[in-house]
N, C-alpha and C. Protein backbone atom coordinates (compact mmCIF):
# COMPACT_ATOMS: atom_id res chain seq x y z
N MET A 1 0.84 -1.16 0.01
CA MET A 1 0.05 -0.03 -0.02
C MET A 1 0.88 1.23 -0.06
N GLY A 2 0.40 2.21 -0.75
CA GLY A 2 1.11 3.50 -0.74
C GLY A 2 0.47 4.52 -1.62
N ASN A 3 1.08 5.70 -1.64
CA ASN A 3 0.54 6.79 -2.50
C ASN A 3 1.59 7.70 -3.06
N GLY A 4 2.82 7.51 -2.68
CA GLY A 4 3.85 8.43 -3.20
C GLY A 4 4.67 7.91 -4.34
N VAL A 5 5.38 8.81 -4.98
CA VAL A 5 6.27 8.47 -6.04
C VAL A 5 7.17 7.36 -5.73
N ASN A 6 7.65 7.44 -4.48
CA ASN A 6 8.75 6.42 -3.97
C ASN A 6 8.09 5.00 -3.91
N ASP A 7 6.78 4.87 -3.97
CA ASP A 7 6.11 3.53 -3.84
C ASP A 7 5.94 2.93 -5.16
N GLU A 8 6.14 3.57 -6.26
CA GLU A 8 5.85 3.11 -7.62
C GLU A 8 6.74 1.85 -7.99
N LEU A 9 8.02 1.92 -7.61
CA LEU A 9 8.89 0.72 -7.86
C LEU A 9 8.46 -0.49 -7.06
N MET A 10 8.09 -0.27 -5.84
CA MET A 10 7.55 -1.35 -5.02
C MET A 10 6.30 -1.97 -5.63
N PHE A 11 5.40 -1.08 -6.15
CA PHE A 11 4.23 -1.58 -6.80
C PHE A 11 4.45 -2.44 -7.95
N ARG A 12 5.50 -2.15 -8.78
CA ARG A 12 5.81 -2.91 -9.94
C ARG A 12 6.32 -4.26 -9.59
N GLU A 13 7.01 -4.29 -8.40
CA GLU A 13 7.54 -5.64 -7.92
C GLU A 13 6.54 -6.54 -7.18
N ALA A 14 5.61 -5.93 -6.58
CA ALA A 14 4.62 -6.63 -5.66
C ALA A 14 3.64 -7.47 -6.43
N ASP A 15 3.28 -8.54 -5.82
CA ASP A 15 2.17 -9.41 -6.37
C ASP A 15 0.83 -8.66 -6.29
N LEU A 16 0.58 -7.87 -5.29
CA LEU A 16 -0.64 -7.08 -5.10
C LEU A 16 -0.29 -5.73 -4.61
N SER A 17 -0.73 -4.77 -5.31
CA SER A 17 -0.44 -3.32 -4.90
C SER A 17 -1.78 -2.59 -4.76
N ILE A 18 -1.83 -1.83 -3.67
CA ILE A 18 -3.04 -1.09 -3.35
C ILE A 18 -2.63 0.36 -3.17
N ALA A 19 -3.13 1.23 -4.11
CA ALA A 19 -2.88 2.69 -3.98
C ALA A 19 -4.00 3.31 -3.01
N VAL A 20 -3.53 4.23 -2.26
CA VAL A 20 -4.41 4.91 -1.33
C VAL A 20 -4.55 6.34 -1.74
N ILE A 21 -5.74 6.81 -2.17
CA ILE A 21 -5.97 8.18 -2.46
C ILE A 21 -6.61 8.82 -1.23
N GLY A 22 -5.77 9.47 -0.45
CA GLY A 22 -6.24 10.19 0.70
C GLY A 22 -6.43 11.65 0.48
N LYS A 23 -6.53 12.35 1.55
CA LYS A 23 -6.66 13.85 1.37
C LYS A 23 -5.51 14.50 0.73
N GLU A 24 -4.40 13.88 0.92
CA GLU A 24 -3.19 14.44 0.19
C GLU A 24 -2.96 14.04 -1.22
N GLY A 25 -3.88 13.09 -1.72
CA GLY A 25 -3.82 12.60 -3.04
C GLY A 25 -2.89 11.39 -3.27
N CYS A 26 -2.53 11.11 -4.47
CA CYS A 26 -1.73 9.92 -4.87
C CYS A 26 -0.93 10.31 -6.14
N ALA A 27 0.29 9.92 -6.16
CA ALA A 27 1.13 10.10 -7.32
C ALA A 27 0.56 9.31 -8.48
N MET A 28 0.45 9.98 -9.66
CA MET A 28 -0.13 9.36 -10.84
C MET A 28 0.57 8.05 -11.25
N VAL A 29 1.96 8.11 -11.13
CA VAL A 29 2.71 6.86 -11.58
C VAL A 29 2.35 5.70 -10.62
N THR A 30 2.15 5.98 -9.39
CA THR A 30 1.79 4.98 -8.40
C THR A 30 0.42 4.47 -8.57
N LEU A 31 -0.50 5.38 -8.89
CA LEU A 31 -1.84 5.02 -9.16
C LEU A 31 -1.94 4.18 -10.36
N MET A 32 -1.24 4.42 -11.48
CA MET A 32 -1.30 3.64 -12.70
C MET A 32 -0.58 2.33 -12.50
N SER A 33 0.33 2.21 -11.52
CA SER A 33 1.02 0.91 -11.24
C SER A 33 0.23 -0.02 -10.34
N SER A 34 -0.83 0.43 -9.73
CA SER A 34 -1.58 -0.26 -8.70
C SER A 34 -2.58 -1.29 -9.28
N ASP A 35 -2.84 -2.30 -8.49
CA ASP A 35 -3.86 -3.33 -8.86
C ASP A 35 -5.24 -2.84 -8.40
N ILE A 36 -5.24 -2.20 -7.20
CA ILE A 36 -6.54 -1.77 -6.62
C ILE A 36 -6.24 -0.34 -6.05
N THR A 37 -7.31 0.45 -6.04
CA THR A 37 -7.26 1.78 -5.49
C THR A 37 -8.37 1.85 -4.44
N VAL A 38 -8.04 2.47 -3.23
CA VAL A 38 -8.95 2.72 -2.19
C VAL A 38 -8.82 4.15 -1.76
N THR A 39 -9.80 4.69 -0.98
CA THR A 39 -9.70 6.06 -0.58
C THR A 39 -9.37 6.15 0.94
N ASP A 40 -9.05 5.03 1.55
CA ASP A 40 -8.71 5.09 3.02
C ASP A 40 -7.86 3.87 3.28
N ILE A 41 -6.78 3.96 4.01
CA ILE A 41 -5.86 2.88 4.26
C ILE A 41 -6.66 1.76 5.05
N ILE A 42 -7.61 2.15 5.85
CA ILE A 42 -8.34 1.08 6.60
C ILE A 42 -9.12 0.20 5.60
N ASP A 43 -9.66 0.78 4.56
CA ASP A 43 -10.38 0.02 3.58
C ASP A 43 -9.36 -0.98 2.86
N GLY A 44 -8.13 -0.53 2.64
CA GLY A 44 -7.12 -1.42 2.01
C GLY A 44 -6.73 -2.49 2.93
N LEU A 45 -6.63 -2.19 4.27
CA LEU A 45 -6.26 -3.28 5.27
C LEU A 45 -7.42 -4.26 5.37
N ASN A 46 -8.66 -3.78 5.28
CA ASN A 46 -9.78 -4.67 5.39
C ASN A 46 -9.85 -5.57 4.22
N LEU A 47 -9.44 -5.16 3.00
CA LEU A 47 -9.34 -6.08 1.86
C LEU A 47 -8.42 -7.17 2.13
N LEU A 48 -7.28 -6.97 2.83
CA LEU A 48 -6.34 -7.99 3.08
C LEU A 48 -6.90 -8.96 4.15
N ILE A 49 -7.57 -8.37 5.15
CA ILE A 49 -8.11 -9.18 6.23
C ILE A 49 -9.23 -10.06 5.73
N ASN A 50 -10.11 -9.45 4.95
CA ASN A 50 -11.27 -10.12 4.36
C ASN A 50 -10.97 -10.47 2.85
N HIS A 51 -10.01 -11.35 2.67
CA HIS A 51 -9.46 -11.59 1.32
C HIS A 51 -10.50 -11.98 0.32
N HIS A 52 -11.72 -12.50 0.74
CA HIS A 52 -12.72 -12.92 -0.20
C HIS A 52 -13.29 -11.71 -0.95
N ARG A 53 -13.03 -10.51 -0.40
CA ARG A 53 -13.47 -9.26 -1.06
C ARG A 53 -12.64 -8.94 -2.25
N LEU A 54 -11.41 -9.48 -2.35
CA LEU A 54 -10.51 -9.16 -3.47
C LEU A 54 -10.89 -9.99 -4.70
N ILE A 55 -11.65 -11.07 -4.60
CA ILE A 55 -11.94 -11.85 -5.70
C ILE A 55 -12.76 -11.10 -6.76
N PRO A 56 -13.83 -10.43 -6.43
CA PRO A 56 -14.56 -9.69 -7.43
C PRO A 56 -13.79 -8.46 -8.01
N THR A 57 -12.97 -7.92 -7.12
CA THR A 57 -12.10 -6.66 -7.51
C THR A 57 -11.14 -7.10 -8.61
N LEU A 58 -10.48 -8.20 -8.46
CA LEU A 58 -9.42 -8.61 -9.31
C LEU A 58 -9.84 -9.50 -10.48
N ARG A 59 -11.09 -9.90 -10.48
CA ARG A 59 -11.64 -10.80 -11.58
C ARG A 59 -11.44 -10.19 -12.94
N ASN A 60 -10.94 -10.94 -13.86
CA ASN A 60 -10.80 -10.51 -15.26
C ASN A 60 -12.04 -10.69 -16.06
């Protein structure tokens, strides 16, 4: 999870990347490299805790 320019490389290497668009925003390169986007870090953590919610989000 991340939202800064420095997170973009990590997102490219990760199996699952979650961009967080908070009040401060999110770097475009990080957003474009993410698999999922959330508006609150708690929502991102809840996706990991309740992993069954990831299935419809990542379905092709």
